Amino acid sequence: MSLSPAELERYARHIVLQDVGGPGQQKLKAARVLVIGAGGLGSPVLQYLAAAGVGTLGVVDNDTVSLSNLQRQVIHDTDQLGEPKVASAAEAISRLNPHVKVEPHAERLAPHNALTLISRYDLVVDGSDNFATRYLVSDACFFAKKPLVTGAVGRLDGSLTLLKPHETAADGTPNPTYRCIFPDRPAEGIVPTCAEAGVLGALTGMIGTMQAMEAIKEIAGFGEGLVGRLLLVDARDMRFETIRYRWSAKNPLNGEAPLRYDDLAGRG
């Protein structure tokens, strides 16, 4: 996929970068990335993927912009209060980079539509704010054979990893799944919501930007991704830790007794 003179100038700092170059930038332009959520994590993900020149960005969110969002959801602004988040995000991306096509999906991801929607894209970035959606997205990405960059934030901490369980590791064993890290979904009410516990706005920017970085590396094909590694960020004391995790034979996706998508849908 060729780059226009305007694109060559826009992405000049990528093109002179050895790890990206012209071929990497062309891969970014050809890529189709689906971002789940246009909120605290999704905002910086969308901004940096758009700035990087990802050709097509799908955005899934059924919410509207509220005043309490603006402390961290920086893709939206005050003039867009009450507007669907997917429309607000599309407007911002158009202003940032008119070469990027936006496909808004103003709907809630659910078992009946997740697999079909995810199958239309090359890579998925999950910026959702609840475990039910995270399990659903990770399951659907496995069955659709799509890489997934998933992240989460708490009050002052966050985490992210790259999931490619449809592929095998160098030693021939399957790559781990989300269910290998978190076998059981937390009971409702155990983990407080953002509205209940609060969250530092800049933290979502940190984690979301790192999610965008993982996605760009995966698309352009350079560096070591976070497959089998969970990056933990303690923003209060600015500490970073990496936990390695492995494939579990007990996981219901690519374990010894795998289940079908319909059997897993909605299951924690």
C-alpha atoms as a PDB file:
ATOM      1  CA  MET A   1       0.000   0.000   0.000  1.00  0.00           C
ATOM      2  CA  SER A   2       1.660   3.187  -1.199  1.00  0.00           C
ATOM      3  CA  LEU A   3       1.969   6.422   0.775  1.00  0.00           C
ATOM      4  CA  SER A   4       1.013   9.809  -0.657  1.00  0.00           C
ATOM      5  CA  PRO A   5       3.432  12.774  -0.510  1.00  0.00           C
ATOM      6  CA  ALA A   6       1.374  14.206   2.378  1.00  0.00           C
ATOM      7  CA  GLU A   7       1.603  10.907   4.246  1.00  0.00           C
ATOM      8  CA  LEU A   8       5.341  10.660   3.635  1.00  0.00           C
ATOM      9  CA  GLU A   9       5.755  14.051   5.290  1.00  0.00           C
ATOM     10  CA  ARG A  10       3.279  13.306   8.100  1.00  0.00           C
ATOM     11  CA  TYR A  11       5.000  10.044   9.046  1.00  0.00           C
ATOM     12  CA  ALA A  12       8.557  11.172   8.298  1.00  0.00           C
ATOM     13  CA  ARG A  13       9.765  10.467  11.848  1.00  0.00           C
ATOM     14  CA  HIS A  14       8.473   6.904  11.566  1.00  0.00           C
ATOM     15  CA  ILE A  15       9.935   6.366   8.127  1.00  0.00           C
ATOM     16  CA  VAL A  16      13.463   7.338   9.212  1.00  0.00           C
ATOM     17  CA  LEU A  17      13.100   5.073  12.260  1.00  0.00           C
ATOM     18  CA  GLN A  18      14.865   1.799  11.472  1.00  0.00           C
ATOM     19  CA  ASP A  19      12.317  -0.381  13.292  1.00  0.00           C
ATOM     20  CA  VAL A  20       9.400   1.066  11.307  1.00  0.00           C
ATOM     21  CA  GLY A  21      10.596   2.549   8.015  1.00  0.00           C
ATOM     22  CA  GLY A  22       8.536   2.702   4.859  1.00  0.00           C
ATOM     23  CA  PRO A  23       7.443  -0.967   4.979  1.00  0.00           C
ATOM     24  CA  GLY A  24       6.289  -0.654   8.581  1.00  0.00           C
ATOM     25  CA  GLN A  25       4.350   2.507   7.833  1.00  0.00           C
ATOM     26  CA  GLN A  26       2.649   0.786   4.926  1.00  0.00           C
ATOM     27  CA  LYS A  27       1.632  -2.044   7.276  1.00  0.00           C
ATOM     28  CA  LEU A  28       0.142   0.514   9.643  1.00  0.00           C
ATOM     29  CA  LYS A  29      -1.807   2.106   6.807  1.00  0.00           C
ATOM     30  CA  ALA A  30      -3.178  -1.271   5.719  1.00  0.00           C
ATOM     31  CA  ALA A  31      -4.122  -2.340   9.248  1.00  0.00           C
ATOM     32  CA  ARG A  32      -7.634  -2.561  10.640  1.00  0.00           C
ATOM     33  CA  VAL A  33      -7.750  -2.196  14.428  1.00  0.00           C
ATOM     34  CA  LEU A  34     -10.813  -2.491  16.642  1.00  0.00           C
ATOM     35  CA  VAL A  35     -10.765  -0.515  19.899  1.00  0.00           C
ATOM     36  CA  ILE A  36     -13.217  -1.631  22.579  1.00  0.00           C
ATOM     37  CA  GLY A  37     -14.316   1.453  24.495  1.00  0.00           C
ATOM     38  CA  ALA A  38     -13.782   5.155  23.793  1.00  0.00           C
ATOM     39  CA  GLY A  39     -13.171   5.973  27.455  1.00  0.00           C
ATOM     40  CA  GLY A  40     -10.135   6.472  29.654  1.00  0.00           C
ATOM     41  CA  LEU A  41      -8.008   3.796  27.997  1.00  0.00           C
ATOM     42  CA  GLY A  42      -9.577   3.953  24.561  1.00  0.00           C
ATOM     43  CA  SER A  43      -8.975   7.696  24.233  1.00  0.00           C
ATOM     44  CA  PRO A  44      -5.154   7.610  24.137  1.00  0.00           C
ATOM     45  CA  VAL A  45      -5.228   4.330  22.210  1.00  0.00           C
ATOM     46  CA  LEU A  46      -7.328   5.914  19.467  1.00  0.00           C
ATOM     47  CA  GLN A  47      -5.321   9.147  19.438  1.00  0.00           C
ATOM     48  CA  TYR A  48      -1.941   7.478  19.098  1.00  0.00           C
ATOM     49  CA  LEU A  49      -3.056   4.835  16.610  1.00  0.00           C
ATOM     50  CA  ALA A  50      -4.637   7.554  14.499  1.00  0.00           C
ATOM     51  CA  ALA A  51      -1.516   9.730  14.745  1.00  0.00           C
ATOM     52  CA  ALA A  52       0.613   6.706  13.815  1.00  0.00           C
ATOM     53  CA  GLY A  53      -1.361   6.218  10.617  1.00  0.00           C
ATOM     54  CA  VAL A  54      -3.359   3.051  11.278  1.00  0.00           C
ATOM     55  CA  GLY A  55      -5.586   2.986   8.213  1.00  0.00           C
ATOM     56  CA  THR A  56      -8.875   1.887   9.741  1.00  0.00           C
ATOM     57  CA  LEU A  57     -10.005   2.231  13.346  1.00  0.00           C
ATOM     58  CA  GLY A  58     -13.176   0.590  14.570  1.00  0.00           C
ATOM     59  CA  VAL A  59     -14.622   2.000  17.797  1.00  0.00           C
ATOM     60  CA  VAL A  60     -17.124   0.120  19.953  1.00  0.00           C
ATOM     61  CA  ASP A  61     -18.994   2.061  22.641  1.00  0.00           C
ATOM     62  CA  ASN A  62     -22.698   2.532  23.359  1.00  0.00           C
ATOM     63  CA  ASP A  63     -22.278   5.389  25.855  1.00  0.00           C
ATOM     64  CA  THR A  64     -22.559   9.166  25.541  1.00  0.00           C
ATOM     65  CA  VAL A  65     -20.091  11.817  26.692  1.00  0.00           C
ATOM     66  CA  SER A  66     -20.728  13.096  30.234  1.00  0.00           C
ATOM     67  CA  LEU A  67     -18.982  15.821  32.203  1.00  0.00           C
ATOM     68  CA  SER A  68     -17.398  13.329  34.623  1.00  0.00           C
ATOM     69  CA  ASN A  69     -15.702  11.585  31.669  1.00  0.00           C
ATOM     70  CA  LEU A  70     -13.580  14.581  30.728  1.00  0.00           C
ATOM     71  CA  GLN A  71     -11.124  14.226  33.620  1.00  0.00           C
ATOM     72  CA  ARG A  72      -9.533  11.281  31.784  1.00  0.00           C
ATOM     73  CA  GLN A  73     -11.291  10.617  28.459  1.00  0.00           C
ATOM     74  CA  VAL A  74      -9.221  13.143  26.562  1.00  0.00           C
ATOM     75  CA  ILE A  75     -10.485  12.371  23.065  1.00  0.00           C
ATOM     76  CA  HIS A  76     -13.758  14.130  23.996  1.00  0.00           C
ATOM     77  CA  ASP A  77     -14.287  17.784  24.938  1.00  0.00           C
ATOM     78  CA  THR A  78     -16.878  19.942  26.647  1.00  0.00           C
ATOM     79  CA  ASP A  79     -18.669  20.851  23.418  1.00  0.00           C
ATOM     80  CA  GLN A  80     -19.499  17.170  22.878  1.00  0.00           C
ATOM     81  CA  LEU A  81     -21.404  16.523  26.099  1.00  0.00           C
ATOM     82  CA  GLY A  82     -24.363  14.247  25.406  1.00  0.00           C
ATOM     83  CA  GLU A  83     -22.955  13.101  22.067  1.00  0.00           C
ATOM     84  CA  PRO A  84     -22.366   9.377  21.414  1.00  0.00           C
ATOM     85  CA  LYS A  85     -18.773   8.588  22.278  1.00  0.00           C
ATOM     86  CA  VAL A  86     -18.163   6.845  18.965  1.00  0.00           C
ATOM     87  CA  ALA A  87     -19.264   9.981  17.081  1.00  0.00           C
ATOM     88  CA  SER A  88     -17.201  12.275  19.317  1.00  0.00           C
ATOM     89  CA  ALA A  89     -14.147  10.045  18.876  1.00  0.00           C
ATOM     90  CA  ALA A  90     -14.630   9.933  15.099  1.00  0.00           C
ATOM     91  CA  GLU A  91     -14.745  13.742  14.944  1.00  0.00           C
ATOM     92  CA  ALA A  92     -11.543  14.035  16.972  1.00  0.00           C
ATOM     93  CA  ILE A  93      -9.729  11.459  14.835  1.00  0.00           C
ATOM     94  CA  SER A  94     -10.809  13.256  11.652  1.00  0.00           C
ATOM     95  CA  ARG A  95      -9.296  16.473  12.974  1.00  0.00           C
ATOM     96  CA  LEU A  96      -6.113  14.697  14.006  1.00  0.00           C
ATOM     97  CA  ASN A  97      -5.543  12.636  10.871  1.00  0.00           C
ATOM     98  CA  PRO A  98      -7.892  12.769   7.862  1.00  0.00           C
ATOM     99  CA  HIS A  99      -6.103   9.786   6.310  1.00  0.00           C
ATOM    100  CA  VAL A 100      -7.618   7.451   8.927  1.00  0.00           C
ATOM    101  CA  LYS A 101     -10.997   5.824   8.305  1.00  0.00           C
ATOM    102  CA  VAL A 102     -13.188   5.443  11.392  1.00  0.00           C
ATOM    103  CA  GLU A 103     -15.855   2.764  11.683  1.00  0.00           C
ATOM    104  CA  PRO A 104     -18.122   3.643  14.653  1.00  0.00           C
ATOM    105  CA  HIS A 105     -20.086   0.861  16.354  1.00  0.00           C
ATOM    106  CA  ALA A 106     -22.557   2.493  18.744  1.00  0.00           C
ATOM    107  CA  GLU A 107     -23.511  -0.755  20.413  1.00  0.00           C
ATOM    108  CA  ARG A 108     -22.638  -2.815  23.429  1.00  0.00           C
ATOM    109  CA  LEU A 109     -20.386  -5.783  22.804  1.00  0.00           C
ATOM    110  CA  ALA A 110     -22.285  -8.962  23.626  1.00  0.00           C
ATOM    111  CA  PRO A 111     -21.973 -12.705  22.934  1.00  0.00           C
ATOM    112  CA  HIS A 112     -24.242 -12.464  19.889  1.00  0.00           C
ATOM    113  CA  ASN A 113     -22.168  -9.802  18.068  1.00  0.00           C
ATOM    114  CA  ALA A 114     -18.614 -10.008  19.455  1.00  0.00           C
ATOM    115  CA  LEU A 115     -17.256 -12.754  17.213  1.00  0.00           C
ATOM    116  CA  THR A 116     -18.695 -11.304  14.004  1.00  0.00           C
ATOM    117  CA  LEU A 117     -17.452  -7.805  14.791  1.00  0.00           C
ATOM    118  CA  ILE A 118     -13.959  -8.839  15.883  1.00  0.00           C
ATOM    119  CA  SER A 119     -13.510 -11.058  12.824  1.00  0.00           C
ATOM    120  CA  ARG A 120     -13.591  -7.954  10.606  1.00  0.00           C
ATOM    121  CA  TYR A 121     -10.348  -6.557  12.073  1.00  0.00           C
ATOM    122  CA  ASP A 122      -6.675  -7.531  12.188  1.00  0.00           C
ATOM    123  CA  LEU A 123      -6.027  -6.686  15.840  1.00  0.00           C
ATOM    124  CA  VAL A 124      -8.100  -5.716  18.876  1.00  0.00           C
ATOM    125  CA  VAL A 125      -7.285  -3.333  21.735  1.00  0.00           C
ATOM    126  CA  ASP A 126      -9.504  -3.753  24.778  1.00  0.00           C
ATOM    127  CA  GLY A 127     -10.077  -0.635  26.868  1.00  0.00           C
ATOM    128  CA  SER A 128     -13.241  -1.858  28.578  1.00  0.00           C
ATOM    129  CA  ASP A 129     -13.888  -1.232  32.256  1.00  0.00           C
ATOM    130  CA  ASN A 130     -15.402  -4.520  33.428  1.00  0.00           C
ATOM    131  CA  PHE A 131     -14.419  -8.178  33.666  1.00  0.00           C
ATOM    132  CA  ALA A 132     -17.451  -9.497  31.772  1.00  0.00           C
ATOM    133  CA  THR A 133     -16.394  -7.637  28.623  1.00  0.00           C
ATOM    134  CA  ARG A 134     -12.720  -8.562  29.048  1.00  0.00           C
ATOM    135  CA  TYR A 135     -13.542 -12.281  29.164  1.00  0.00           C
ATOM    136  CA  LEU A 136     -15.910 -11.941  26.212  1.00  0.00           C
ATOM    137  CA  VAL A 137     -13.383 -10.030  24.095  1.00  0.00           C
ATOM    138  CA  SER A 138     -10.534 -12.424  24.887  1.00  0.00           C
ATOM    139  CA  ASP A 139     -12.670 -15.468  24.066  1.00  0.00           C
ATOM    140  CA  ALA A 140     -13.895 -13.974  20.790  1.00  0.00           C
ATOM    141  CA  CYS A 141     -10.357 -12.963  19.774  1.00  0.00           C
ATOM    142  CA  PHE A 142      -9.185 -16.528  20.345  1.00  0.00           C
ATOM    143  CA  PHE A 143     -11.897 -18.010  18.134  1.00  0.00           C
ATOM    144  CA  ALA A 144     -11.398 -15.297  15.491  1.00  0.00           C
ATOM    145  CA  LYS A 145      -7.609 -15.825  15.691  1.00  0.00           C
ATOM    146  CA  LYS A 146      -6.876 -12.151  16.302  1.00  0.00           C
ATOM    147  CA  PRO A 147      -4.140 -10.718  18.575  1.00  0.00           C
ATOM    148  CA  LEU A 148      -5.466  -8.781  21.551  1.00  0.00           C
ATOM    149  CA  VAL A 149      -3.853  -6.008  23.579  1.00  0.00           C
ATOM    150  CA  THR A 150      -5.761  -5.857  26.846  1.00  0.00           C
ATOM    151  CA  GLY A 151      -5.322  -3.366  29.672  1.00  0.00           C
ATOM    152  CA  ALA A 152      -6.963  -2.384  32.940  1.00  0.00           C
ATOM    153  CA  VAL A 153      -6.650   0.348  35.562  1.00  0.00           C
ATOM    154  CA  GLY A 154      -7.475   0.699  39.238  1.00  0.00           C
ATOM    155  CA  ARG A 155      -7.243   3.768  41.442  1.00  0.00           C
ATOM    156  CA  LEU A 156      -3.496   4.308  40.980  1.00  0.00           C
ATOM    157  CA  ASP A 157      -2.373   1.108  39.293  1.00  0.00           C
ATOM    158  CA  GLY A 158      -2.723  -0.565  35.946  1.00  0.00           C
ATOM    159  CA  SER A 159      -1.740  -3.565  33.864  1.00  0.00           C
ATOM    160  CA  LEU A 160      -1.487  -4.707  30.268  1.00  0.00           C
ATOM    161  CA  THR A 161      -0.511  -7.728  28.219  1.00  0.00           C
ATOM    162  CA  LEU A 162      -0.606  -9.070  24.661  1.00  0.00           C
ATOM    163  CA  LEU A 163      -2.626 -12.214  23.976  1.00  0.00           C
ATOM    164  CA  LYS A 164      -2.032 -14.495  20.982  1.00  0.00           C
ATOM    165  CA  PRO A 165      -3.320 -17.887  22.205  1.00  0.00           C
ATOM    166  CA  HIS A 166      -4.217 -18.964  18.678  1.00  0.00           C
ATOM    167  CA  GLU A 167      -0.466 -19.282  18.061  1.00  0.00           C
ATOM    168  CA  THR A 168       2.210 -21.445  19.671  1.00  0.00           C
ATOM    169  CA  ALA A 169       5.332 -20.521  21.591  1.00  0.00           C
ATOM    170  CA  ALA A 170       8.864 -21.344  20.432  1.00  0.00           C
ATOM    171  CA  ASP A 171       8.818 -24.579  22.432  1.00  0.00           C
ATOM    172  CA  GLY A 172       5.662 -25.764  20.689  1.00  0.00           C
ATOM    173  CA  THR A 173       3.264 -25.193  23.582  1.00  0.00           C
ATOM    174  CA  PRO A 174       0.217 -22.975  23.044  1.00  0.00           C
ATOM    175  CA  ASN A 175       0.485 -19.340  24.008  1.00  0.00           C
ATOM    176  CA  PRO A 176      -1.440 -18.525  27.202  1.00  0.00           C
ATOM    177  CA  THR A 177      -4.956 -17.112  27.239  1.00  0.00           C
ATOM    178  CA  TYR A 178      -6.596 -14.444  29.399  1.00  0.00           C
ATOM    179  CA  ARG A 179      -8.160 -17.327  31.323  1.00  0.00           C
ATOM    180  CA  CYS A 180      -4.666 -18.627  32.094  1.00  0.00           C
ATOM    181  CA  ILE A 181      -3.944 -15.402  34.001  1.00  0.00           C
ATOM    182  CA  PHE A 182      -7.409 -14.988  35.504  1.00  0.00           C
ATOM    183  CA  PRO A 183      -9.132 -18.397  35.592  1.00  0.00           C
ATOM    184  CA  ASP A 184     -12.166 -17.152  37.500  1.00  0.00           C
ATOM    185  CA  ARG A 185     -14.122 -13.975  37.024  1.00  0.00           C
ATOM    186  CA  PRO A 186     -14.406 -11.916  40.245  1.00  0.00           C
ATOM    187  CA  ALA A 187     -17.851 -11.929  41.814  1.00  0.00           C
ATOM    188  CA  GLU A 188     -20.034  -8.882  41.187  1.00  0.00           C
ATOM    189  CA  GLY A 189     -19.281  -6.099  43.659  1.00  0.00           C
ATOM    190  CA  ILE A 190     -15.846  -7.388  44.679  1.00  0.00           C
ATOM    191  CA  VAL A 191     -13.964  -4.976  42.426  1.00  0.00           C
ATOM    192  CA  PRO A 192     -15.267  -1.391  42.805  1.00  0.00           C
ATOM    193  CA  THR A 193     -16.128   0.554  39.675  1.00  0.00           C
ATOM    194  CA  CYS A 194     -14.338   3.735  38.614  1.00  0.00           C
ATOM    195  CA  ALA A 195     -17.319   5.771  39.807  1.00  0.00           C
ATOM    196  CA  GLU A 196     -17.116   4.124  43.234  1.00  0.00           C
ATOM    197  CA  ALA A 197     -13.346   4.083  43.766  1.00  0.00           C
ATOM    198  CA  GLY A 198     -12.082   6.893  41.556  1.00  0.00           C
ATOM    199  CA  VAL A 199      -9.145   6.804  39.167  1.00  0.00           C
ATOM    200  CA  LEU A 200      -6.298   9.204  38.413  1.00  0.00           C
ATOM    201  CA  GLY A 201      -6.857  10.582  34.933  1.00  0.00           C
ATOM    202  CA  ALA A 202      -3.207  10.575  33.856  1.00  0.00           C
ATOM    203  CA  LEU A 203      -2.965   6.870  34.751  1.00  0.00           C
ATOM    204  CA  THR A 204      -5.387   5.918  31.979  1.00  0.00           C
ATOM    205  CA  GLY A 205      -3.194   7.940  29.631  1.00  0.00           C
ATOM    206  CA  MET A 206      -0.125   5.948  30.707  1.00  0.00           C
ATOM    207  CA  ILE A 207      -1.702   2.524  30.245  1.00  0.00           C
ATOM    208  CA  GLY A 208      -3.599   3.455  27.092  1.00  0.00           C
ATOM    209  CA  THR A 209      -0.455   4.841  25.473  1.00  0.00           C
ATOM    210  CA  MET A 210       1.405   1.625  26.283  1.00  0.00           C
ATOM    211  CA  GLN A 211      -1.455  -0.364  24.767  1.00  0.00           C
ATOM    212  CA  ALA A 212      -1.106   1.703  21.594  1.00  0.00           C
ATOM    213  CA  MET A 213       2.646   1.015  21.616  1.00  0.00           C
ATOM    214  CA  GLU A 214       2.045  -2.739  21.827  1.00  0.00           C
ATOM    215  CA  ALA A 215      -0.428  -2.542  18.954  1.00  0.00           C
ATOM    216  CA  ILE A 216       1.973  -0.551  16.760  1.00  0.00           C
ATOM    217  CA  LYS A 217       4.813  -3.001  17.452  1.00  0.00           C
ATOM    218  CA  GLU A 218       2.581  -5.946  16.609  1.00  0.00           C
ATOM    219  CA  ILE A 219       1.397  -4.399  13.342  1.00  0.00           C
ATOM    220  CA  ALA A 220       4.762  -3.085  12.159  1.00  0.00           C
ATOM    221  CA  GLY A 221       6.544  -6.248  13.287  1.00  0.00           C
ATOM    222  CA  PHE A 222       9.345  -5.173  15.603  1.00  0.00           C
ATOM    223  CA  GLY A 223      10.397  -5.679  19.207  1.00  0.00           C
ATOM    224  CA  GLU A 224       9.312  -8.253  21.777  1.00  0.00           C
ATOM    225  CA  GLY A 225       5.623  -8.169  22.602  1.00  0.00           C
ATOM    226  CA  LEU A 226       4.055  -8.836  25.985  1.00  0.00           C
ATOM    227  CA  VAL A 227       2.919 -12.384  25.169  1.00  0.00           C
ATOM    228  CA  GLY A 228       3.221 -14.377  28.387  1.00  0.00           C
ATOM    229  CA  ARG A 229       4.126 -11.261  30.362  1.00  0.00           C
ATOM    230  CA  LEU A 230       1.782  -9.107  32.434  1.00  0.00           C
ATOM    231  CA  LEU A 231       3.142  -5.588  32.935  1.00  0.00           C
ATOM    232  CA  LEU A 232       2.068  -4.081  36.261  1.00  0.00           C
ATOM    233  CA  VAL A 233       2.264  -0.328  36.845  1.00  0.00           C
ATOM    234  CA  ASP A 234       2.146   1.285  40.289  1.00  0.00           C
ATOM    235  CA  ALA A 235       1.658   4.951  39.467  1.00  0.00           C
ATOM    236  CA  ARG A 236       1.657   6.080  43.107  1.00  0.00           C
ATOM    237  CA  ASP A 237       5.330   5.169  43.555  1.00  0.00           C
ATOM    238  CA  MET A 238       6.157   4.899  39.813  1.00  0.00           C
ATOM    239  CA  ARG A 239       7.167   1.253  39.930  1.00  0.00           C
ATOM    240  CA  PHE A 240       6.974  -1.215  37.066  1.00  0.00           C
ATOM    241  CA  GLU A 241       6.972  -4.990  37.445  1.00  0.00           C
ATOM    242  CA  THR A 242       6.606  -7.794  34.932  1.00  0.00           C
ATOM    243  CA  ILE A 243       5.017 -11.104  35.870  1.00  0.00           C
ATOM    244  CA  ARG A 244       5.496 -14.057  33.546  1.00  0.00           C
ATOM    245  CA  TYR A 245       2.572 -16.407  33.059  1.00  0.00           C
ATOM    246  CA  ARG A 246       2.186 -19.652  31.131  1.00  0.00           C
ATOM    247  CA  TRP A 247      -0.370 -21.726  29.321  1.00  0.00           C
ATOM    248  CA  SER A 248      -2.648 -23.673  31.612  1.00  0.00           C
ATOM    249  CA  ALA A 249      -3.956 -27.038  30.475  1.00  0.00           C
ATOM    250  CA  LYS A 250      -7.109 -26.309  32.476  1.00  0.00           C
ATOM    251  CA  ASN A 251      -8.094 -23.216  30.504  1.00  0.00           C
ATOM    252  CA  PRO A 252     -11.251 -23.770  28.429  1.00  0.00           C
ATOM    253  CA  LEU A 253      -9.968 -22.168  25.214  1.00  0.00           C
ATOM    254  CA  ASN A 254      -6.841 -24.056  24.121  1.00  0.00           C
ATOM    255  CA  GLY A 255      -6.502 -26.363  27.135  1.00  0.00           C
ATOM    256  CA  GLU A 256      -6.901 -30.115  27.250  1.00  0.00           C
ATOM    257  CA  ALA A 257     -10.701 -29.935  27.222  1.00  0.00           C
ATOM    258  CA  PRO A 258     -11.563 -26.915  25.033  1.00  0.00           C
ATOM    259  CA  LEU A 259     -15.110 -25.575  24.848  1.00  0.00           C
ATOM    260  CA  ARG A 260     -16.997 -24.018  21.953  1.00  0.00           C
ATOM    261  CA  TYR A 261     -17.596 -20.283  21.752  1.00  0.00           C
ATOM    262  CA  ASP A 262     -21.321 -20.701  22.406  1.00  0.00           C
ATOM    263  CA  ASP A 263     -20.549 -22.678  25.560  1.00  0.00           C
ATOM    264  CA  LEU A 264     -18.180 -19.968  26.825  1.00  0.00           C
ATOM    265  CA  ALA A 265     -20.261 -16.903  25.957  1.00  0.00           C
ATOM    266  CA  GLY A 266     -21.014 -14.969  29.104  1.00  0.00           C
ATOM    267  CA  ARG A 267     -19.087 -17.377  31.301  1.00  0.00           C
ATOM    268  CA  GLY A 268     -16.479 -16.023  33.716  1.00  0.00           C
END
